[in-house]
Amino acid sequence: MASDIGMAARWYVYILRCSDNSLYTGVTTDVERRVREHNGEGVKGKGAKYTKAHRPVKLVYQEIVTSRSEAQIREAQLRKLSKIEKEKLLNT
């Protein structure tokens, strides 16, 4: 979020590895907080429905982007990748 001094939020695109080895992609301004929420920690009901059924999750990838819209565009690009393509990305 923007601070009182006008500093822009830093957005991230992230990939989580779920307990069944599936991959989940999302966007946030706070990766650590979001991973905790996906694992059921913190505010109740804030994790994604998908990850709730596939806990625990582990952060395996993150990218910094310049805006929410850029993050959402990149998230869509990553979601379109096959599992093999995502795994290659994770190993680079």
PDB file of N, CA and C in Angstrom:
ATOM      1  N   MET A   1       0.829  -1.185   0.000  1.00  0.00           N
ATOM      2  CA  MET A   1       0.000   0.000   0.000  1.00  0.00           C
ATOM      3  C   MET A   1       0.871   1.245   0.000  1.00  0.00           C
ATOM      4  N   ALA A   2       0.316   2.320  -0.512  1.00  0.00           N
ATOM      5  CA  ALA A   2       1.063   3.570  -0.533  1.00  0.00           C
ATOM      6  C   ALA A   2       1.181   4.113   0.886  1.00  0.00           C
ATOM      7  N   SER A   3       2.316   4.662   1.201  1.00  0.00           N
ATOM      8  CA  SER A   3       2.515   5.234   2.528  1.00  0.00           C
ATOM      9  C   SER A   3       2.069   6.689   2.526  1.00  0.00           C
ATOM     10  N   ASP A   4       2.120   7.305   3.685  1.00  0.00           N
ATOM     11  CA  ASP A   4       1.733   8.706   3.817  1.00  0.00           C
ATOM     12  C   ASP A   4       2.640   9.644   3.032  1.00  0.00           C
ATOM     13  N   ILE A   5       3.851   9.213   2.713  1.00  0.00           N
ATOM     14  CA  ILE A   5       4.766  10.084   1.987  1.00  0.00           C
ATOM     15  C   ILE A   5       4.692   9.860   0.476  1.00  0.00           C
ATOM     16  N   GLY A   6       3.691   9.086   0.030  1.00  0.00           N
ATOM     17  CA  GLY A   6       3.458   8.931  -1.396  1.00  0.00           C
ATOM     18  C   GLY A   6       4.273   7.847  -2.072  1.00  0.00           C
ATOM     19  N   MET A   7       4.901   6.988  -1.303  1.00  0.00           N
ATOM     20  CA  MET A   7       5.684   5.906  -1.893  1.00  0.00           C
ATOM     21  C   MET A   7       4.732   4.855  -2.461  1.00  0.00           C
ATOM     22  N   ALA A   8       4.956   4.456  -3.702  1.00  0.00           N
ATOM     23  CA  ALA A   8       4.078   3.493  -4.355  1.00  0.00           C
ATOM     24  C   ALA A   8       4.243   2.103  -3.747  1.00  0.00           C
ATOM     25  N   ALA A   9       3.154   1.334  -3.791  1.00  0.00           N
ATOM     26  CA  ALA A   9       3.197  -0.041  -3.303  1.00  0.00           C
ATOM     27  C   ALA A   9       4.061  -0.888  -4.220  1.00  0.00           C
ATOM     28  N   ARG A  10       4.715  -1.850  -3.651  1.00  0.00           N
ATOM     29  CA  ARG A  10       5.487  -2.815  -4.425  1.00  0.00           C
ATOM     30  C   ARG A  10       4.607  -4.054  -4.578  1.00  0.00           C
ATOM     31  N   TRP A  11       4.360  -4.441  -5.785  1.00  0.00           N
ATOM     32  CA  TRP A  11       3.521  -5.602  -6.072  1.00  0.00           C
ATOM     33  C   TRP A  11       4.387  -6.806  -6.421  1.00  0.00           C
ATOM     34  N   TYR A  12       3.891  -7.978  -6.068  1.00  0.00           N
ATOM     35  CA  TYR A  12       4.583  -9.229  -6.325  1.00  0.00           C
ATOM     36  C   TYR A  12       3.639 -10.216  -6.998  1.00  0.00           C
ATOM     37  N   VAL A  13       4.210 -11.019  -7.877  1.00  0.00           N
ATOM     38  CA  VAL A  13       3.549 -12.206  -8.404  1.00  0.00           C
ATOM     39  C   VAL A  13       4.275 -13.369  -7.751  1.00  0.00           C
ATOM     40  N   TYR A  14       3.535 -14.340  -7.249  1.00  0.00           N
ATOM     41  CA  TYR A  14       4.176 -15.434  -6.530  1.00  0.00           C
ATOM     42  C   TYR A  14       3.587 -16.773  -6.947  1.00  0.00           C
ATOM     43  N   ILE A  15       4.373 -17.816  -6.731  1.00  0.00           N
ATOM     44  CA  ILE A  15       3.916 -19.185  -6.960  1.00  0.00           C
ATOM     45  C   ILE A  15       4.162 -19.979  -5.683  1.00  0.00           C
ATOM     46  N   LEU A  16       3.152 -20.728  -5.280  1.00  0.00           N
ATOM     47  CA  LEU A  16       3.236 -21.599  -4.118  1.00  0.00           C
ATOM     48  C   LEU A  16       3.208 -23.046  -4.573  1.00  0.00           C
ATOM     49  N   ARG A  17       3.962 -23.886  -3.881  1.00  0.00           N
ATOM     50  CA  ARG A  17       3.857 -25.327  -4.097  1.00  0.00           C
ATOM     51  C   ARG A  17       2.973 -25.864  -2.976  1.00  0.00           C
ATOM     52  N   CYS A  18       1.927 -26.549  -3.364  1.00  0.00           N
ATOM     53  CA  CYS A  18       0.978 -27.098  -2.403  1.00  0.00           C
ATOM     54  C   CYS A  18       1.402 -28.498  -1.968  1.00  0.00           C
ATOM     55  N   SER A  19       0.746 -29.012  -0.942  1.00  0.00           N
ATOM     56  CA  SER A  19       1.113 -30.307  -0.368  1.00  0.00           C
ATOM     57  C   SER A  19       0.996 -31.457  -1.366  1.00  0.00           C
ATOM     58  N   ASP A  20       0.154 -31.319  -2.387  1.00  0.00           N
ATOM     59  CA  ASP A  20       0.004 -32.367  -3.402  1.00  0.00           C
ATOM     60  C   ASP A  20       0.904 -32.120  -4.612  1.00  0.00           C
ATOM     61  N   ASN A  21       1.856 -31.180  -4.479  1.00  0.00           N
ATOM     62  CA  ASN A  21       2.822 -30.809  -5.514  1.00  0.00           C
ATOM     63  C   ASN A  21       2.216 -29.950  -6.625  1.00  0.00           C
ATOM     64  N   SER A  22       0.971 -29.530  -6.485  1.00  0.00           N
ATOM     65  CA  SER A  22       0.387 -28.612  -7.459  1.00  0.00           C
ATOM     66  C   SER A  22       0.948 -27.220  -7.204  1.00  0.00           C
ATOM     67  N   LEU A  23       0.769 -26.328  -8.179  1.00  0.00           N
ATOM     68  CA  LEU A  23       1.280 -24.963  -8.077  1.00  0.00           C
ATOM     69  C   LEU A  23       0.128 -23.974  -8.106  1.00  0.00           C
ATOM     70  N   TYR A  24       0.212 -22.977  -7.255  1.00  0.00           N
ATOM     71  CA  TYR A  24      -0.807 -21.930  -7.155  1.00  0.00           C
ATOM     72  C   TYR A  24      -0.136 -20.592  -7.402  1.00  0.00           C
ATOM     73  N   THR A  25      -0.728 -19.756  -8.242  1.00  0.00           N
ATOM     74  CA  THR A  25      -0.158 -18.451  -8.573  1.00  0.00           C
ATOM     75  C   THR A  25      -1.063 -17.341  -8.064  1.00  0.00           C
ATOM     76  N   GLY A  26      -0.456 -16.274  -7.520  1.00  0.00           N
ATOM     77  CA  GLY A  26      -1.236 -15.150  -7.029  1.00  0.00           C
ATOM     78  C   GLY A  26      -0.449 -13.859  -7.066  1.00  0.00           C
ATOM     79  N   VAL A  27      -1.099 -12.776  -6.636  1.00  0.00           N
ATOM     80  CA  VAL A  27      -0.470 -11.457  -6.548  1.00  0.00           C
ATOM     81  C   VAL A  27      -0.739 -10.864  -5.167  1.00  0.00           C
ATOM     82  N   THR A  28       0.179 -10.030  -4.722  1.00  0.00           N
ATOM     83  CA  THR A  28       0.035  -9.403  -3.404  1.00  0.00           C
ATOM     84  C   THR A  28       1.031  -8.259  -3.265  1.00  0.00           C
ATOM     85  N   THR A  29       0.864  -7.480  -2.214  1.00  0.00           N
ATOM     86  CA  THR A  29       1.864  -6.474  -1.854  1.00  0.00           C
ATOM     87  C   THR A  29       2.735  -6.949  -0.692  1.00  0.00           C
ATOM     88  N   ASP A  30       2.368  -8.087  -0.089  1.00  0.00           N
ATOM     89  CA  ASP A  30       3.100  -8.619   1.059  1.00  0.00           C
ATOM     90  C   ASP A  30       3.133 -10.145   0.961  1.00  0.00           C
ATOM     91  N   VAL A  31       4.191 -10.679   0.400  1.00  0.00           N
ATOM     92  CA  VAL A  31       4.282 -12.110   0.128  1.00  0.00           C
ATOM     93  C   VAL A  31       4.259 -12.930   1.417  1.00  0.00           C
ATOM     94  N   GLU A  32       5.034 -12.536   2.412  1.00  0.00           N
ATOM     95  CA  GLU A  32       5.088 -13.303   3.661  1.00  0.00           C
ATOM     96  C   GLU A  32       3.715 -13.402   4.320  1.00  0.00           C
ATOM     97  N   ARG A  33       3.011 -12.275   4.396  1.00  0.00           N
ATOM     98  CA  ARG A  33       1.668 -12.274   4.980  1.00  0.00           C
ATOM     99  C   ARG A  33       0.733 -13.175   4.188  1.00  0.00           C
ATOM    100  N   ARG A  34       0.820 -13.086   2.871  1.00  0.00           N
ATOM    101  CA  ARG A  34      -0.075 -13.858   2.015  1.00  0.00           C
ATOM    102  C   ARG A  34       0.175 -15.359   2.150  1.00  0.00           C
ATOM    103  N   VAL A  35       1.430 -15.765   2.257  1.00  0.00           N
ATOM    104  CA  VAL A  35       1.731 -17.186   2.450  1.00  0.00           C
ATOM    105  C   VAL A  35       1.148 -17.656   3.783  1.00  0.00           C
ATOM    106  N   ARG A  36       1.286 -16.843   4.826  1.00  0.00           N
ATOM    107  CA  ARG A  36       0.691 -17.199   6.127  1.00  0.00           C
ATOM    108  C   ARG A  36      -0.818 -17.363   5.994  1.00  0.00           C
ATOM    109  N   GLU A  37      -1.466 -16.459   5.284  1.00  0.00           N
ATOM    110  CA  GLU A  37      -2.918 -16.548   5.091  1.00  0.00           C
ATOM    111  C   GLU A  37      -3.292 -17.819   4.322  1.00  0.00           C
ATOM    112  N   HIS A  38      -2.528 -18.147   3.295  1.00  0.00           N
ATOM    113  CA  HIS A  38      -2.800 -19.371   2.539  1.00  0.00           C
ATOM    114  C   HIS A  38      -2.651 -20.611   3.419  1.00  0.00           C
ATOM    115  N   ASN A  39      -1.786 -20.538   4.407  1.00  0.00           N
ATOM    116  CA  ASN A  39      -1.593 -21.660   5.326  1.00  0.00           C
ATOM    117  C   ASN A  39      -2.547 -21.626   6.516  1.00  0.00           C
ATOM    118  N   GLY A  40      -3.495 -20.705   6.496  1.00  0.00           N
ATOM    119  CA  GLY A  40      -4.512 -20.655   7.541  1.00  0.00           C
ATOM    120  C   GLY A  40      -4.129 -19.887   8.774  1.00  0.00           C
ATOM    121  N   GLU A  41      -3.034 -19.147   8.707  1.00  0.00           N
ATOM    122  CA  GLU A  41      -2.599 -18.334   9.840  1.00  0.00           C
ATOM    123  C   GLU A  41      -3.154 -16.925   9.685  1.00  0.00           C
ATOM    124  N   GLY A  42      -3.331 -16.239  10.783  1.00  0.00           N
ATOM    125  CA  GLY A  42      -3.786 -14.852  10.713  1.00  0.00           C
ATOM    126  C   GLY A  42      -5.296 -14.757  10.590  1.00  0.00           C
ATOM    127  N   VAL A  43      -5.761 -13.828   9.782  1.00  0.00           N
ATOM    128  CA  VAL A  43      -7.187 -13.535   9.658  1.00  0.00           C
ATOM    129  C   VAL A  43      -7.917 -14.715   9.022  1.00  0.00           C
ATOM    130  N   LYS A  44      -8.941 -15.206   9.690  1.00  0.00           N
ATOM    131  CA  LYS A  44      -9.701 -16.353   9.207  1.00  0.00           C
ATOM    132  C   LYS A  44     -10.397 -16.023   7.889  1.00  0.00           C
ATOM    133  N   GLY A  45     -10.307 -16.960   6.948  1.00  0.00           N
ATOM    134  CA  GLY A  45     -11.001 -16.792   5.678  1.00  0.00           C
ATOM    135  C   GLY A  45     -10.275 -15.984   4.631  1.00  0.00           C
ATOM    136  N   LYS A  46      -9.013 -15.625   4.867  1.00  0.00           N
ATOM    137  CA  LYS A  46      -8.270 -14.790   3.924  1.00  0.00           C
ATOM    138  C   LYS A  46      -7.476 -15.588   2.896  1.00  0.00           C
ATOM    139  N   GLY A  47      -7.261 -16.866   3.124  1.00  0.00           N
ATOM    140  CA  GLY A  47      -6.537 -17.694   2.153  1.00  0.00           C
ATOM    141  C   GLY A  47      -7.454 -18.077   1.004  1.00  0.00           C
ATOM    142  N   ALA A  48      -6.885 -18.487  -0.109  1.00  0.00           N
ATOM    143  CA  ALA A  48      -7.669 -18.902  -1.261  1.00  0.00           C
ATOM    144  C   ALA A  48      -8.346 -20.244  -0.992  1.00  0.00           C
ATOM    145  N   LYS A  49      -9.498 -20.441  -1.586  1.00  0.00           N
ATOM    146  CA  LYS A  49     -10.234 -21.694  -1.440  1.00  0.00           C
ATOM    147  C   LYS A  49      -9.378 -22.885  -1.886  1.00  0.00           C
ATOM    148  N   TYR A  50      -8.655 -22.715  -2.978  1.00  0.00           N
ATOM    149  CA  TYR A  50      -7.824 -23.800  -3.501  1.00  0.00           C
ATOM    150  C   TYR A  50      -6.756 -24.215  -2.497  1.00  0.00           C
ATOM    151  N   THR A  51      -6.020 -23.243  -1.962  1.00  0.00           N
ATOM    152  CA  THR A  51      -4.923 -23.590  -1.059  1.00  0.00           C
ATOM    153  C   THR A  51      -5.437 -24.134   0.270  1.00  0.00           C
ATOM    154  N   LYS A  52      -6.641 -23.754   0.652  1.00  0.00           N
ATOM    155  CA  LYS A  52      -7.219 -24.263   1.892  1.00  0.00           C
ATOM    156  C   LYS A  52      -7.310 -25.787   1.851  1.00  0.00           C
ATOM    157  N   ALA A  53      -7.594 -26.325   0.673  1.00  0.00           N
ATOM    158  CA  ALA A  53      -7.725 -27.772   0.512  1.00  0.00           C
ATOM    159  C   ALA A  53      -6.399 -28.452   0.179  1.00  0.00           C
ATOM    160  N   HIS A  54      -5.317 -27.659   0.035  1.00  0.00           N
ATOM    161  CA  HIS A  54      -4.034 -28.228  -0.390  1.00  0.00           C
ATOM    162  C   HIS A  54      -2.872 -27.787   0.509  1.00  0.00           C
ATOM    163  N   ARG A  55      -3.154 -27.577   1.774  1.00  0.00           N
ATOM    164  CA  ARG A  55      -2.139 -27.148   2.736  1.00  0.00           C
ATOM    165  C   ARG A  55      -1.286 -28.303   3.186  1.00  0.00           C
ATOM    166  N   PRO A  56      -0.081 -27.982   3.645  1.00  0.00           N
ATOM    167  CA  PRO A  56       0.529 -26.660   3.699  1.00  0.00           C
ATOM    168  C   PRO A  56       1.089 -26.258   2.339  1.00  0.00           C
ATOM    169  N   VAL A  57       1.286 -24.953   2.199  1.00  0.00           N
ATOM    170  CA  VAL A  57       1.877 -24.428   0.970  1.00  0.00           C
ATOM    171  C   VAL A  57       3.236 -23.824   1.294  1.00  0.00           C
ATOM    172  N   LYS A  58       4.077 -23.766   0.264  1.00  0.00           N
ATOM    173  CA  LYS A  58       5.427 -23.223   0.430  1.00  0.00           C
ATOM    174  C   LYS A  58       5.706 -22.270  -0.727  1.00  0.00           C
ATOM    175  N   LEU A  59       6.263 -21.118  -0.435  1.00  0.00           N
ATOM    176  CA  LEU A  59       6.641 -20.162  -1.469  1.00  0.00           C
ATOM    177  C   LEU A  59       7.812 -20.710  -2.258  1.00  0.00           C
ATOM    178  N   VAL A  60       7.655 -20.776  -3.599  1.00  0.00           N
ATOM    179  CA  VAL A  60       8.742 -21.294  -4.434  1.00  0.00           C
ATOM    180  C   VAL A  60       9.199 -20.291  -5.487  1.00  0.00           C
ATOM    181  N   TYR A  61       8.464 -19.178  -5.657  1.00  0.00           N
ATOM    182  CA  TYR A  61       8.834 -18.209  -6.687  1.00  0.00           C
ATOM    183  C   TYR A  61       8.151 -16.888  -6.407  1.00  0.00           C
ATOM    184  N   GLN A  62       8.876 -15.798  -6.687  1.00  0.00           N
ATOM    185  CA  GLN A  62       8.255 -14.477  -6.624  1.00  0.00           C
ATOM    186  C   GLN A  62       8.956 -13.524  -7.576  1.00  0.00           C
ATOM    187  N   GLU A  63       8.193 -12.607  -8.111  1.00  0.00           N
ATOM    188  CA  GLU A  63       8.700 -11.549  -8.984  1.00  0.00           C
ATOM    189  C   GLU A  63       8.177 -10.224  -8.461  1.00  0.00           C
ATOM    190  N   ILE A  64       8.995  -9.202  -8.526  1.00  0.00           N
ATOM    191  CA  ILE A  64       8.550  -7.847  -8.203  1.00  0.00           C
ATOM    192  C   ILE A  64       8.097  -7.192  -9.501  1.00  0.00           C
ATOM    193  N   VAL A  65       6.942  -6.550  -9.459  1.00  0.00           N
ATOM    194  CA  VAL A  65       6.432  -5.812 -10.605  1.00  0.00           C
ATOM    195  C   VAL A  65       6.080  -4.398 -10.165  1.00  0.00           C
ATOM    196  N   THR A  66       5.801  -3.522 -11.122  1.00  0.00           N
ATOM    197  CA  THR A  66       5.657  -2.105 -10.791  1.00  0.00           C
ATOM    198  C   THR A  66       4.258  -1.662 -10.416  1.00  0.00           C
ATOM    199  N   SER A  67       3.241  -2.457 -10.720  1.00  0.00           N
ATOM    200  CA  SER A  67       1.869  -2.031 -10.423  1.00  0.00           C
ATOM    201  C   SER A  67       0.958  -3.244 -10.270  1.00  0.00           C
ATOM    202  N   ARG A  68      -0.218  -2.996  -9.736  1.00  0.00           N
ATOM    203  CA  ARG A  68      -1.202  -4.072  -9.604  1.00  0.00           C
ATOM    204  C   ARG A  68      -1.593  -4.610 -10.975  1.00  0.00           C
ATOM    205  N   SER A  69      -1.793  -3.719 -11.931  1.00  0.00           N
ATOM    206  CA  SER A  69      -2.192  -4.184 -13.260  1.00  0.00           C
ATOM    207  C   SER A  69      -1.101  -5.034 -13.902  1.00  0.00           C
ATOM    208  N   GLU A  70       0.156  -4.645 -13.740  1.00  0.00           N
ATOM    209  CA  GLU A  70       1.256  -5.451 -14.266  1.00  0.00           C
ATOM    210  C   GLU A  70       1.300  -6.810 -13.565  1.00  0.00           C
ATOM    211  N   ALA A  71       1.044  -6.816 -12.274  1.00  0.00           N
ATOM    212  CA  ALA A  71       1.031  -8.062 -11.516  1.00  0.00           C
ATOM    213  C   ALA A  71      -0.072  -8.985 -12.026  1.00  0.00           C
ATOM    214  N   GLN A  72      -1.237  -8.442 -12.280  1.00  0.00           N
ATOM    215  CA  GLN A  72      -2.353  -9.260 -12.749  1.00  0.00           C
ATOM    216  C   GLN A  72      -2.103  -9.789 -14.164  1.00  0.00           C
ATOM    217  N   ILE A  73      -1.479  -8.991 -15.000  1.00  0.00           N
ATOM    218  CA  ILE A  73      -1.130  -9.435 -16.348  1.00  0.00           C
ATOM    219  C   ILE A  73      -0.113 -10.566 -16.279  1.00  0.00           C
ATOM    220  N   ARG A  74       0.903 -10.396 -15.455  1.00  0.00           N
ATOM    221  CA  ARG A  74       1.939 -11.432 -15.315  1.00  0.00           C
ATOM    222  C   ARG A  74       1.354 -12.702 -14.690  1.00  0.00           C
ATOM    223  N   GLU A  75       0.472 -12.543 -13.711  1.00  0.00           N
ATOM    224  CA  GLU A  75      -0.184 -13.698 -13.102  1.00  0.00           C
ATOM    225  C   GLU A  75      -0.944 -14.496 -14.176  1.00  0.00           C
ATOM    226  N   ALA A  76      -1.659 -13.813 -15.033  1.00  0.00           N
ATOM    227  CA  ALA A  76      -2.401 -14.488 -16.099  1.00  0.00           C
ATOM    228  C   ALA A  76      -1.449 -15.232 -17.039  1.00  0.00           C
ATOM    229  N   GLN A  77      -0.312 -14.602 -17.350  1.00  0.00           N
ATOM    230  CA  GLN A  77       0.683 -15.263 -18.208  1.00  0.00           C
ATOM    231  C   GLN A  77       1.192 -16.548 -17.551  1.00  0.00           C
ATOM    232  N   LEU A  78       1.506 -16.473 -16.271  1.00  0.00           N
ATOM    233  CA  LEU A  78       2.032 -17.641 -15.558  1.00  0.00           C
ATOM    234  C   LEU A  78       0.985 -18.741 -15.448  1.00  0.00           C
ATOM    235  N   ARG A  79      -0.255 -18.371 -15.227  1.00  0.00           N
ATOM    236  CA  ARG A  79      -1.312 -19.379 -15.102  1.00  0.00           C
ATOM    237  C   ARG A  79      -1.531 -20.138 -16.409  1.00  0.00           C
ATOM    238  N   LYS A  80      -1.224 -19.519 -17.516  1.00  0.00           N
ATOM    239  CA  LYS A  80      -1.394 -20.174 -18.819  1.00  0.00           C
ATOM    240  C   LYS A  80      -0.281 -21.176 -19.127  1.00  0.00           C
ATOM    241  N   LEU A  81       0.820 -21.100 -18.391  1.00  0.00           N
ATOM    242  CA  LEU A  81       1.926 -22.029 -18.613  1.00  0.00           C
ATOM    243  C   LEU A  81       1.523 -23.435 -18.182  1.00  0.00           C
ATOM    244  N   SER A  82       2.088 -24.421 -18.854  1.00  0.00           N
ATOM    245  CA  SER A  82       1.885 -25.807 -18.426  1.00  0.00           C
ATOM    246  C   SER A  82       2.672 -26.036 -17.133  1.00  0.00           C
ATOM    247  N   LYS A  83       2.379 -27.125 -16.462  1.00  0.00           N
ATOM    248  CA  LYS A  83       3.114 -27.452 -15.235  1.00  0.00           C
ATOM    249  C   LYS A  83       4.606 -27.611 -15.548  1.00  0.00           C
ATOM    250  N   ILE A  84       4.929 -28.234 -16.672  1.00  0.00           N
ATOM    251  CA  ILE A  84       6.332 -28.414 -17.065  1.00  0.00           C
ATOM    252  C   ILE A  84       7.010 -27.062 -17.271  1.00  0.00           C
ATOM    253  N   GLU A  85       6.328 -26.140 -17.928  1.00  0.00           N
ATOM    254  CA  GLU A  85       6.896 -24.805 -18.156  1.00  0.00           C
ATOM    255  C   GLU A  85       7.084 -24.062 -16.839  1.00  0.00           C
ATOM    256  N   LYS A  86       6.137 -24.208 -15.924  1.00  0.00           N
ATOM    257  CA  LYS A  86       6.271 -23.566 -14.613  1.00  0.00           C
ATOM    258  C   LYS A  86       7.454 -24.143 -13.845  1.00  0.00           C
ATOM    259  N   GLU A  87       7.599 -25.458 -13.893  1.00  0.00           N
ATOM    260  CA  GLU A  87       8.727 -26.091 -13.207  1.00  0.00           C
ATOM    261  C   GLU A  87      10.063 -25.593 -13.773  1.00  0.00           C
ATOM    262  N   LYS A  88      10.140 -25.408 -15.078  1.00  0.00           N
ATOM    263  CA  LYS A  88      11.361 -24.866 -15.696  1.00  0.00           C
ATOM    264  C   LYS A  88      11.624 -23.463 -15.167  1.00  0.00           C
ATOM    265  N   LEU A  89      10.598 -22.643 -15.064  1.00  0.00           N
ATOM    266  CA  LEU A  89      10.728 -21.301 -14.523  1.00  0.00           C
ATOM    267  C   LEU A  89      11.264 -21.347 -13.090  1.00  0.00           C
ATOM    268  N   LEU A  90      10.751 -22.258 -12.302  1.00  0.00           N
ATOM    269  CA  LEU A  90      11.173 -22.384 -10.898  1.00  0.00           C
ATOM    270  C   LEU A  90      12.625 -22.812 -10.775  1.00  0.00           C
ATOM    271  N   ASN A  91      13.118 -23.513 -11.773  1.00  0.00           N
ATOM    272  CA  ASN A  91      14.491 -24.031 -11.718  1.00  0.00           C
ATOM    273  C   ASN A  91      15.505 -23.141 -12.403  1.00  0.00           C
ATOM    274  N   THR A  92      15.107 -21.934 -12.823  1.00  0.00           N
ATOM    275  CA  THR A  92      16.050 -21.030 -13.469  1.00  0.00           C
ATOM    276  C   THR A  92      16.621 -20.033 -12.495  1.00  0.00           C
TER     277      THR A  92
END
